[in-house]
Each structure stands twice: as structure tokens, then as C-alpha cells.
Full PDB file with SEQRES, HELIX, SHEET, SSBOND, CRYST1, ORIGX, SCALE, CONECT and MASTER records, all heavy atoms in Angstrom:
SEQRES   1 A   34  GLN LEU LEU VAL ALA THR VAL LEU SER ALA GLN CYS THR          
SEQRES   2 A   34  ASP LYS ARG ILE ASN GLN VAL THR PRO ALA LEU PHE GLN          
SEQRES   3 A   34  ARG TYR PRO ASP ALA ALA ALA MET                              
HELIX    1 AA1 LEU A    2  LEU A    8  1                                   7    
HELIX    2 AA2 ASP A   14  ARG A   27  1                                  14    
CRYST1    1.000    1.000    1.000  90.00  90.00  90.00 P 1           1          
ORIGX1      1.000000  0.000000  0.000000        0.00000                         
ORIGX2      0.000000  1.000000  0.000000        0.00000                         
ORIGX3      0.000000  0.000000  1.000000        0.00000                         
SCALE1      1.000000  0.000000  0.000000        0.00000                         
SCALE2      0.000000  1.000000  0.000000        0.00000                         
SCALE3      0.000000  0.000000  1.000000        0.00000                         
ATOM      1  N   GLN A   1    -185.090 149.070 -61.365  1.00  0.00           N  
ATOM      2  CA  GLN A   1    -183.831 149.782 -61.554  1.00  0.00           C  
ATOM      3  C   GLN A   1    -183.260 150.270 -60.228  1.00  0.00           C  
ATOM      4  O   GLN A   1    -182.041 150.272 -60.030  1.00  0.00           O  
ATOM      5  CB  GLN A   1    -184.029 150.940 -62.538  1.00  0.00           C  
ATOM      6  CG  GLN A   1    -184.307 150.462 -63.954  1.00  0.00           C  
ATOM      7  CD  GLN A   1    -184.466 151.591 -64.946  1.00  0.00           C  
ATOM      8  OE1 GLN A   1    -184.268 152.772 -64.618  1.00  0.00           O  
ATOM      9  NE2 GLN A   1    -184.829 151.259 -66.180  1.00  0.00           N  
ATOM     10  N   LEU A   2    -184.119 150.667 -59.297  1.00  0.00           N  
ATOM     11  CA  LEU A   2    -183.644 151.026 -57.962  1.00  0.00           C  
ATOM     12  C   LEU A   2    -182.999 149.821 -57.286  1.00  0.00           C  
ATOM     13  O   LEU A   2    -181.923 149.939 -56.681  1.00  0.00           O  
ATOM     14  CB  LEU A   2    -184.803 151.532 -57.102  1.00  0.00           C  
ATOM     15  CG  LEU A   2    -184.474 151.726 -55.614  1.00  0.00           C  
ATOM     16  CD1 LEU A   2    -183.435 152.824 -55.420  1.00  0.00           C  
ATOM     17  CD2 LEU A   2    -185.748 152.041 -54.824  1.00  0.00           C  
ATOM     18  N   LEU A   3    -183.639 148.678 -57.390  1.00  0.00           N  
ATOM     19  CA  LEU A   3    -183.090 147.456 -56.803  1.00  0.00           C  
ATOM     20  C   LEU A   3    -181.712 147.143 -57.386  1.00  0.00           C  
ATOM     21  O   LEU A   3    -180.757 146.861 -56.648  1.00  0.00           O  
ATOM     22  CB  LEU A   3    -184.044 146.290 -57.041  1.00  0.00           C  
ATOM     23  CG  LEU A   3    -183.549 144.898 -56.608  1.00  0.00           C  
ATOM     24  CD1 LEU A   3    -183.309 144.844 -55.108  1.00  0.00           C  
ATOM     25  CD2 LEU A   3    -184.553 143.826 -57.038  1.00  0.00           C  
ATOM     26  N   VAL A   4    -181.596 147.193 -58.692  1.00  0.00           N  
ATOM     27  CA  VAL A   4    -180.326 146.910 -59.361  1.00  0.00           C  
ATOM     28  C   VAL A   4    -179.259 147.901 -58.921  1.00  0.00           C  
ATOM     29  O   VAL A   4    -178.125 147.519 -58.576  1.00  0.00           O  
ATOM     30  CB  VAL A   4    -180.503 146.948 -60.887  1.00  0.00           C  
ATOM     31  CG1 VAL A   4    -179.145 146.942 -61.584  1.00  0.00           C  
ATOM     32  CG2 VAL A   4    -181.348 145.766 -61.360  1.00  0.00           C  
ATOM     33  N   ALA A   5    -179.595 149.175 -58.916  1.00  0.00           N  
ATOM     34  CA  ALA A   5    -178.624 150.204 -58.536  1.00  0.00           C  
ATOM     35  C   ALA A   5    -178.178 150.027 -57.090  1.00  0.00           C  
ATOM     36  O   ALA A   5    -176.995 150.226 -56.768  1.00  0.00           O  
ATOM     37  CB  ALA A   5    -179.221 151.589 -58.747  1.00  0.00           C  
ATOM     38  N   THR A   6    -179.097 149.644 -56.226  1.00  0.00           N  
ATOM     39  CA  THR A   6    -178.758 149.459 -54.815  1.00  0.00           C  
ATOM     40  C   THR A   6    -177.860 148.249 -54.624  1.00  0.00           C  
ATOM     41  O   THR A   6    -176.902 148.287 -53.831  1.00  0.00           O  
ATOM     42  CB  THR A   6    -180.031 149.317 -53.974  1.00  0.00           C  
ATOM     43  OG1 THR A   6    -180.908 150.430 -54.217  1.00  0.00           O  
ATOM     44  CG2 THR A   6    -179.699 149.294 -52.486  1.00  0.00           C  
ATOM     45  N   VAL A   7    -178.140 147.177 -55.328  1.00  0.00           N  
ATOM     46  CA  VAL A   7    -177.254 146.006 -55.279  1.00  0.00           C  
ATOM     47  C   VAL A   7    -175.855 146.386 -55.755  1.00  0.00           C  
ATOM     48  O   VAL A   7    -174.847 146.022 -55.147  1.00  0.00           O  
ATOM     49  CB  VAL A   7    -177.831 144.850 -56.122  1.00  0.00           C  
ATOM     50  CG1 VAL A   7    -176.790 143.743 -56.296  1.00  0.00           C  
ATOM     51  CG2 VAL A   7    -179.089 144.291 -55.475  1.00  0.00           C  
ATOM     52  N   LEU A   8    -175.774 147.136 -56.829  1.00  0.00           N  
ATOM     53  CA  LEU A   8    -174.481 147.549 -57.371  1.00  0.00           C  
ATOM     54  C   LEU A   8    -173.729 148.481 -56.423  1.00  0.00           C  
ATOM     55  O   LEU A   8    -172.495 148.513 -56.412  1.00  0.00           O  
ATOM     56  CB  LEU A   8    -174.676 148.250 -58.714  1.00  0.00           C  
ATOM     57  CG  LEU A   8    -175.057 147.370 -59.907  1.00  0.00           C  
ATOM     58  CD1 LEU A   8    -175.382 148.243 -61.114  1.00  0.00           C  
ATOM     59  CD2 LEU A   8    -173.933 146.396 -60.244  1.00  0.00           C  
ATOM     60  N   SER A   9    -174.461 149.246 -55.608  1.00  0.00           N  
ATOM     61  CA  SER A   9    -173.834 150.276 -54.779  1.00  0.00           C  
ATOM     62  C   SER A   9    -173.092 149.729 -53.572  1.00  0.00           C  
ATOM     63  O   SER A   9    -172.352 150.475 -52.910  1.00  0.00           O  
ATOM     64  CB  SER A   9    -174.890 151.289 -54.312  1.00  0.00           C  
ATOM     65  OG  SER A   9    -175.769 150.699 -53.353  1.00  0.00           O  
ATOM     66  N   ALA A  10    -173.240 148.454 -53.266  1.00  0.00           N  
ATOM     67  CA  ALA A  10    -172.532 147.876 -52.125  1.00  0.00           C  
ATOM     68  C   ALA A  10    -171.033 148.034 -52.307  1.00  0.00           C  
ATOM     69  O   ALA A  10    -170.474 147.646 -53.347  1.00  0.00           O  
ATOM     70  CB  ALA A  10    -172.896 146.400 -51.969  1.00  0.00           C  
ATOM     71  N   GLN A  11    -170.363 148.627 -51.325  1.00  0.00           N  
ATOM     72  CA  GLN A  11    -168.918 148.841 -51.374  1.00  0.00           C  
ATOM     73  C   GLN A  11    -168.500 149.684 -52.585  1.00  0.00           C  
ATOM     74  O   GLN A  11    -167.410 149.515 -53.123  1.00  0.00           O  
ATOM     75  CB  GLN A  11    -168.166 147.501 -51.393  1.00  0.00           C  
ATOM     76  CG  GLN A  11    -168.527 146.558 -50.275  1.00  0.00           C  
ATOM     77  CD  GLN A  11    -168.181 147.124 -48.913  1.00  0.00           C  
ATOM     78  OE1 GLN A  11    -167.118 147.673 -48.727  1.00  0.00           O  
ATOM     79  NE2 GLN A  11    -169.091 146.982 -47.958  1.00  0.00           N  
ATOM     80  N   CYS A  12    -169.379 150.573 -53.004  1.00  0.00           N  
ATOM     81  CA  CYS A  12    -169.081 151.416 -54.166  1.00  0.00           C  
ATOM     82  C   CYS A  12    -169.835 152.735 -53.998  1.00  0.00           C  
ATOM     83  O   CYS A  12    -170.869 152.787 -53.331  1.00  0.00           O  
ATOM     84  CB  CYS A  12    -169.536 150.704 -55.451  1.00  0.00           C  
ATOM     85  SG  CYS A  12    -168.732 151.299 -56.950  1.00  0.00           S  
ATOM     86  N   THR A  13    -169.342 153.798 -54.600  1.00  0.00           N  
ATOM     87  CA  THR A  13    -169.995 155.095 -54.452  1.00  0.00           C  
ATOM     88  C   THR A  13    -171.201 155.220 -55.379  1.00  0.00           C  
ATOM     89  O   THR A  13    -171.233 154.638 -56.467  1.00  0.00           O  
ATOM     90  CB  THR A  13    -169.017 156.238 -54.770  1.00  0.00           C  
ATOM     91  OG1 THR A  13    -168.648 156.176 -56.162  1.00  0.00           O  
ATOM     92  CG2 THR A  13    -167.762 156.142 -53.914  1.00  0.00           C  
ATOM     93  N   ASP A  14    -172.166 156.013 -54.951  1.00  0.00           N  
ATOM     94  CA  ASP A  14    -173.328 156.272 -55.805  1.00  0.00           C  
ATOM     95  C   ASP A  14    -172.906 156.965 -57.097  1.00  0.00           C  
ATOM     96  O   ASP A  14    -173.496 156.735 -58.158  1.00  0.00           O  
ATOM     97  CB  ASP A  14    -174.350 157.147 -55.061  1.00  0.00           C  
ATOM     98  CG  ASP A  14    -175.089 156.382 -53.975  1.00  0.00           C  
ATOM     99  OD1 ASP A  14    -174.808 155.179 -53.790  1.00  0.00           O  
ATOM    100  OD2 ASP A  14    -175.950 156.986 -53.307  1.00  0.00           O  
ATOM    101  N   LYS A  15    -171.885 157.812 -57.008  1.00  0.00           N  
ATOM    102  CA  LYS A  15    -171.404 158.506 -58.209  1.00  0.00           C  
ATOM    103  C   LYS A  15    -170.947 157.511 -59.261  1.00  0.00           C  
ATOM    104  O   LYS A  15    -171.285 157.636 -60.440  1.00  0.00           O  
ATOM    105  CB  LYS A  15    -170.259 159.453 -57.833  1.00  0.00           C  
ATOM    106  CG  LYS A  15    -169.697 160.235 -59.007  1.00  0.00           C  
ATOM    107  CD  LYS A  15    -168.578 161.163 -58.564  1.00  0.00           C  
ATOM    108  CE  LYS A  15    -168.009 161.941 -59.746  1.00  0.00           C  
ATOM    109  NZ  LYS A  15    -166.908 162.866 -59.312  1.00  0.00           N  
ATOM    110  N   ARG A  16    -170.195 156.505 -58.853  1.00  0.00           N  
ATOM    111  CA  ARG A  16    -169.733 155.491 -59.786  1.00  0.00           C  
ATOM    112  C   ARG A  16    -170.909 154.709 -60.360  1.00  0.00           C  
ATOM    113  O   ARG A  16    -170.961 154.435 -61.561  1.00  0.00           O  
ATOM    114  CB  ARG A  16    -168.752 154.546 -59.079  1.00  0.00           C  
ATOM    115  CG  ARG A  16    -168.446 153.250 -59.823  1.00  0.00           C  
ATOM    116  CD  ARG A  16    -167.844 153.495 -61.198  1.00  0.00           C  
ATOM    117  NE  ARG A  16    -166.582 154.218 -61.112  1.00  0.00           N  
ATOM    118  CZ  ARG A  16    -165.902 154.643 -62.186  1.00  0.00           C  
ATOM    119  NH1 ARG A  16    -166.383 154.421 -63.403  1.00  0.00           N  
ATOM    120  NH2 ARG A  16    -164.759 155.294 -62.039  1.00  0.00           N  
ATOM    121  N   ILE A  17    -171.860 154.352 -59.519  1.00  0.00           N  
ATOM    122  CA  ILE A  17    -173.014 153.574 -59.988  1.00  0.00           C  
ATOM    123  C   ILE A  17    -173.817 154.380 -61.000  1.00  0.00           C  
ATOM    124  O   ILE A  17    -174.271 153.841 -62.021  1.00  0.00           O  
ATOM    125  CB  ILE A  17    -173.914 153.154 -58.802  1.00  0.00           C  
ATOM    126  CG1 ILE A  17    -173.110 152.321 -57.797  1.00  0.00           C  
ATOM    127  CG2 ILE A  17    -175.124 152.378 -59.302  1.00  0.00           C  
ATOM    128  CD1 ILE A  17    -172.359 151.163 -58.394  1.00  0.00           C  
ATOM    129  N   ASN A  18    -173.974 155.664 -60.761  1.00  0.00           N  
ATOM    130  CA  ASN A  18    -174.728 156.502 -61.693  1.00  0.00           C  
ATOM    131  C   ASN A  18    -174.018 156.674 -63.035  1.00  0.00           C  
ATOM    132  O   ASN A  18    -174.639 157.055 -64.030  1.00  0.00           O  
ATOM    133  CB  ASN A  18    -175.001 157.870 -61.069  1.00  0.00           C  
ATOM    134  CG  ASN A  18    -176.017 157.807 -59.948  1.00  0.00           C  
ATOM    135  OD1 ASN A  18    -176.830 156.884 -59.882  1.00  0.00           O  
ATOM    136  ND2 ASN A  18    -175.980 158.780 -59.047  1.00  0.00           N  
ATOM    137  N   GLN A  19    -172.728 156.406 -63.071  1.00  0.00           N  
ATOM    138  CA  GLN A  19    -171.994 156.431 -64.340  1.00  0.00           C  
ATOM    139  C   GLN A  19    -172.190 155.134 -65.119  1.00  0.00           C  
ATOM    140  O   GLN A  19    -172.091 155.112 -66.347  1.00  0.00           O  
ATOM    141  CB  GLN A  19    -170.501 156.647 -64.064  1.00  0.00           C  
ATOM    142  CG  GLN A  19    -170.167 158.017 -63.507  1.00  0.00           C  
ATOM    143  CD  GLN A  19    -168.710 158.133 -63.064  1.00  0.00           C  
ATOM    144  OE1 GLN A  19    -168.024 157.127 -62.876  1.00  0.00           O  
ATOM    145  NE2 GLN A  19    -168.233 159.355 -62.884  1.00  0.00           N  
ATOM    146  N   VAL A  20    -172.483 154.060 -64.389  1.00  0.00           N  
ATOM    147  CA  VAL A  20    -172.589 152.734 -64.993  1.00  0.00           C  
ATOM    148  C   VAL A  20    -174.010 152.399 -65.442  1.00  0.00           C  
ATOM    149  O   VAL A  20    -174.218 151.776 -66.495  1.00  0.00           O  
ATOM    150  CB  VAL A  20    -172.091 151.665 -63.985  1.00  0.00           C  
ATOM    151  CG1 VAL A  20    -172.462 150.260 -64.435  1.00  0.00           C  
ATOM    152  CG2 VAL A  20    -170.590 151.788 -63.792  1.00  0.00           C  
ATOM    153  N   THR A  21    -174.998 152.802 -64.649  1.00  0.00           N  
ATOM    154  CA  THR A  21    -176.365 152.322 -64.885  1.00  0.00           C  
ATOM    155  C   THR A  21    -177.052 152.832 -66.151  1.00  0.00           C  
ATOM    156  O   THR A  21    -177.919 152.115 -66.672  1.00  0.00           O  
ATOM    157  CB  THR A  21    -177.259 152.619 -63.670  1.00  0.00           C  
ATOM    158  OG1 THR A  21    -177.123 154.006 -63.279  1.00  0.00           O  
ATOM    159  CG2 THR A  21    -176.879 151.730 -62.500  1.00  0.00           C  
ATOM    160  N   PRO A  22    -176.750 154.016 -66.683  1.00  0.00           N  
ATOM    161  CA  PRO A  22    -177.457 154.414 -67.907  1.00  0.00           C  
ATOM    162  C   PRO A  22    -177.325 153.389 -69.032  1.00  0.00           C  
ATOM    163  O   PRO A  22    -178.332 153.009 -69.663  1.00  0.00           O  
ATOM    164  CB  PRO A  22    -176.813 155.757 -68.272  1.00  0.00           C  
ATOM    165  CG  PRO A  22    -176.420 156.334 -66.951  1.00  0.00           C  
ATOM    166  CD  PRO A  22    -175.935 155.142 -66.164  1.00  0.00           C  
ATOM    167  N   ALA A  23    -176.114 152.930 -69.323  1.00  0.00           N  
ATOM    168  CA  ALA A  23    -175.926 151.939 -70.382  1.00  0.00           C  
ATOM    169  C   ALA A  23    -176.540 150.595 -69.995  1.00  0.00           C  
ATOM    170  O   ALA A  23    -177.120 149.894 -70.832  1.00  0.00           O  
ATOM    171  CB  ALA A  23    -174.441 151.772 -70.682  1.00  0.00           C  
ATOM    172  N   LEU A  24    -176.429 150.243 -68.702  1.00  0.00           N  
ATOM    173  CA  LEU A  24    -177.001 148.982 -68.230  1.00  0.00           C  
ATOM    174  C   LEU A  24    -178.517 148.980 -68.389  1.00  0.00           C  
ATOM    175  O   LEU A  24    -179.106 148.006 -68.890  1.00  0.00           O  
ATOM    176  CB  LEU A  24    -176.623 148.766 -66.762  1.00  0.00           C  
ATOM    177  CG  LEU A  24    -177.149 147.490 -66.107  1.00  0.00           C  
ATOM    178  CD1 LEU A  24    -176.496 146.250 -66.732  1.00  0.00           C  
ATOM    179  CD2 LEU A  24    -176.901 147.524 -64.593  1.00  0.00           C  
ATOM    180  N   PHE A  25    -179.157 150.069 -67.991  1.00  0.00           N  
ATOM    181  CA  PHE A  25    -180.617 150.130 -68.066  1.00  0.00           C  
ATOM    182  C   PHE A  25    -181.125 150.315 -69.497  1.00  0.00           C  
ATOM    183  O   PHE A  25    -182.259 149.968 -69.810  1.00  0.00           O  
ATOM    184  CB  PHE A  25    -181.145 151.260 -67.177  1.00  0.00           C  
ATOM    185  CG  PHE A  25    -180.913 151.023 -65.701  1.00  0.00           C  
ATOM    186  CD1 PHE A  25    -180.812 152.093 -64.823  1.00  0.00           C  
ATOM    187  CD2 PHE A  25    -180.812 149.739 -65.196  1.00  0.00           C  
ATOM    188  CE1 PHE A  25    -180.616 151.884 -63.464  1.00  0.00           C  
ATOM    189  CE2 PHE A  25    -180.610 149.521 -63.836  1.00  0.00           C  
ATOM    190  CZ  PHE A  25    -180.502 150.597 -62.969  1.00  0.00           C  
ATOM    191  N   GLN A  26    -180.284 150.885 -70.343  1.00  0.00           N  
ATOM    192  CA  GLN A  26    -180.686 151.003 -71.746  1.00  0.00           C  
ATOM    193  C   GLN A  26    -180.784 149.609 -72.376  1.00  0.00           C  
ATOM    194  O   GLN A  26    -181.699 149.339 -73.145  1.00  0.00           O  
ATOM    195  CB  GLN A  26    -179.682 151.864 -72.510  1.00  0.00           C  
ATOM    196  CG  GLN A  26    -180.077 152.082 -73.968  1.00  0.00           C  
ATOM    197  CD  GLN A  26    -179.126 153.034 -74.687  1.00  0.00           C  
ATOM    198  OE1 GLN A  26    -178.020 153.294 -74.222  1.00  0.00           O  
ATOM    199  NE2 GLN A  26    -179.573 153.562 -75.822  1.00  0.00           N  
ATOM    200  N   ARG A  27    -179.853 148.743 -72.023  1.00  0.00           N  
ATOM    201  CA  ARG A  27    -179.875 147.402 -72.579  1.00  0.00           C  
ATOM    202  C   ARG A  27    -180.843 146.489 -71.833  1.00  0.00           C  
ATOM    203  O   ARG A  27    -181.518 145.653 -72.438  1.00  0.00           O  
ATOM    204  CB  ARG A  27    -178.481 146.782 -72.538  1.00  0.00           C  
ATOM    205  CG  ARG A  27    -178.420 145.427 -73.262  1.00  0.00           C  
ATOM    206  CD  ARG A  27    -177.024 144.840 -73.281  1.00  0.00           C  
ATOM    207  NE  ARG A  27    -176.053 145.699 -73.968  1.00  0.00           N  
ATOM    208  CZ  ARG A  27    -174.775 145.364 -74.128  1.00  0.00           C  
ATOM    209  NH1 ARG A  27    -174.311 144.209 -73.659  1.00  0.00           N  
ATOM    210  NH2 ARG A  27    -173.948 146.185 -74.766  1.00  0.00           N  
ATOM    211  N   TYR A  28    -180.913 146.671 -70.515  1.00  0.00           N  
ATOM    212  CA  TYR A  28    -181.773 145.810 -69.690  1.00  0.00           C  
ATOM    213  C   TYR A  28    -182.665 146.685 -68.806  1.00  0.00           C  
ATOM    214  O   TYR A  28    -182.396 146.889 -67.624  1.00  0.00           O  
ATOM    215  CB  TYR A  28    -180.928 144.883 -68.809  1.00  0.00           C  
ATOM    216  CG  TYR A  28    -179.900 144.082 -69.567  1.00  0.00           C  
ATOM    217  CD1 TYR A  28    -178.536 144.292 -69.378  1.00  0.00           C  
ATOM    218  CD2 TYR A  28    -180.283 143.091 -70.480  1.00  0.00           C  
ATOM    219  CE1 TYR A  28    -177.587 143.559 -70.064  1.00  0.00           C  
ATOM    220  CE2 TYR A  28    -179.344 142.354 -71.182  1.00  0.00           C  
ATOM    221  CZ  TYR A  28    -177.995 142.596 -70.973  1.00  0.00           C  
ATOM    222  OH  TYR A  28    -177.068 141.861 -71.667  1.00  0.00           O  
ATOM    223  N   PRO A  29    -183.739 147.215 -69.368  1.00  0.00           N  
ATOM    224  CA  PRO A  29    -184.566 148.163 -68.617  1.00  0.00           C  
ATOM    225  C   PRO A  29    -185.428 147.533 -67.532  1.00  0.00           C  
ATOM    226  O   PRO A  29    -185.865 148.225 -66.609  1.00  0.00           O  
ATOM    227  CB  PRO A  29    -185.443 148.789 -69.708  1.00  0.00           C  
ATOM    228  CG  PRO A  29    -185.541 147.719 -70.762  1.00  0.00           C  
ATOM    229  CD  PRO A  29    -184.204 147.054 -70.760  1.00  0.00           C  
ATOM    230  N   ASP A  30    -185.679 146.234 -67.619  1.00  0.00           N  
ATOM    231  CA  ASP A  30    -186.543 145.595 -66.636  1.00  0.00           C  
ATOM    232  C   ASP A  30    -186.076 144.171 -66.370  1.00  0.00           C  
ATOM    233  O   ASP A  30    -185.133 143.675 -66.991  1.00  0.00           O  
ATOM    234  CB  ASP A  30    -188.002 145.610 -67.116  1.00  0.00           C  
ATOM    235  CG  ASP A  30    -188.170 145.071 -68.526  1.00  0.00           C  
ATOM    236  OD1 ASP A  30    -187.412 144.149 -68.914  1.00  0.00           O  
ATOM    237  OD2 ASP A  30    -189.047 145.560 -69.270  1.00  0.00           O  
ATOM    238  N   ALA A  31    -186.762 143.521 -65.434  1.00  0.00           N  
ATOM    239  CA  ALA A  31    -186.362 142.167 -65.046  1.00  0.00           C  
ATOM    240  C   ALA A  31    -186.488 141.186 -66.203  1.00  0.00           C  
ATOM    241  O   ALA A  31    -185.664 140.284 -66.354  1.00  0.00           O  
ATOM    242  CB  ALA A  31    -187.206 141.706 -63.855  1.00  0.00           C  
ATOM    243  N   ALA A  32    -187.513 141.356 -67.011  1.00  0.00           N  
ATOM    244  CA  ALA A  32    -187.724 140.443 -68.131  1.00  0.00           C  
ATOM    245  C   ALA A  32    -186.531 140.477 -69.085  1.00  0.00           C  
ATOM    246  O   ALA A  32    -186.050 139.431 -69.545  1.00  0.00           O  
ATOM    247  CB  ALA A  32    -189.008 140.803 -68.869  1.00  0.00           C  
ATOM    248  N   ALA A  33    -186.043 141.669 -69.373  1.00  0.00           N  
ATOM    249  CA  ALA A  33    -184.904 141.802 -70.288  1.00  0.00           C  
ATOM    250  C   ALA A  33    -183.631 141.239 -69.665  1.00  0.00           C  
ATOM    251  O   ALA A  33    -182.881 140.490 -70.309  1.00  0.00           O  
ATOM    252  CB  ALA A  33    -184.711 143.269 -70.664  1.00  0.00           C  
ATOM    253  N   MET A  34    -183.387 141.571 -68.392  1.00  0.00           N  
ATOM    254  CA  MET A  34    -182.154 141.117 -67.761  1.00  0.00           C  
ATOM    255  C   MET A  34    -182.172 139.613 -67.487  1.00  0.00           C  
ATOM    256  O   MET A  34    -181.126 138.972 -67.435  1.00  0.00           O  
ATOM    257  CB  MET A  34    -181.880 141.892 -66.466  1.00  0.00           C  
ATOM    258  CG  MET A  34    -180.470 141.706 -65.926  1.00  0.00           C  
ATOM    259  SD  MET A  34    -180.069 142.776 -64.522  1.00  0.00           S  
ATOM    260  CE  MET A  34    -179.890 144.379 -65.338  1.00  0.00           C  
TER     261      MET A  34                                                      
MASTER        0    0    0    2    0    0    0    6  260    1    0    3          
END                                                                             
């Protein structure tokens, strides 16, 4: 999840990423799921 969040954070604020990742990680919590 740290890796995913860091990839998403490129050219974007951490605040925005933290708004997006809860739903993303709920559906895809690990590499196997994603």
C-alpha cells in the first residue's frame, strides 16, 4: 500500500492521495487482489 500510494503521489499532493486510497485499498488490499 505504501508503494501504491507513493506511485499515485507523483505530481499530486499527499492530501489528495489520502482521500483516494481508502476506497482503493478496501477493494484491492494487496498485490494479489490488484
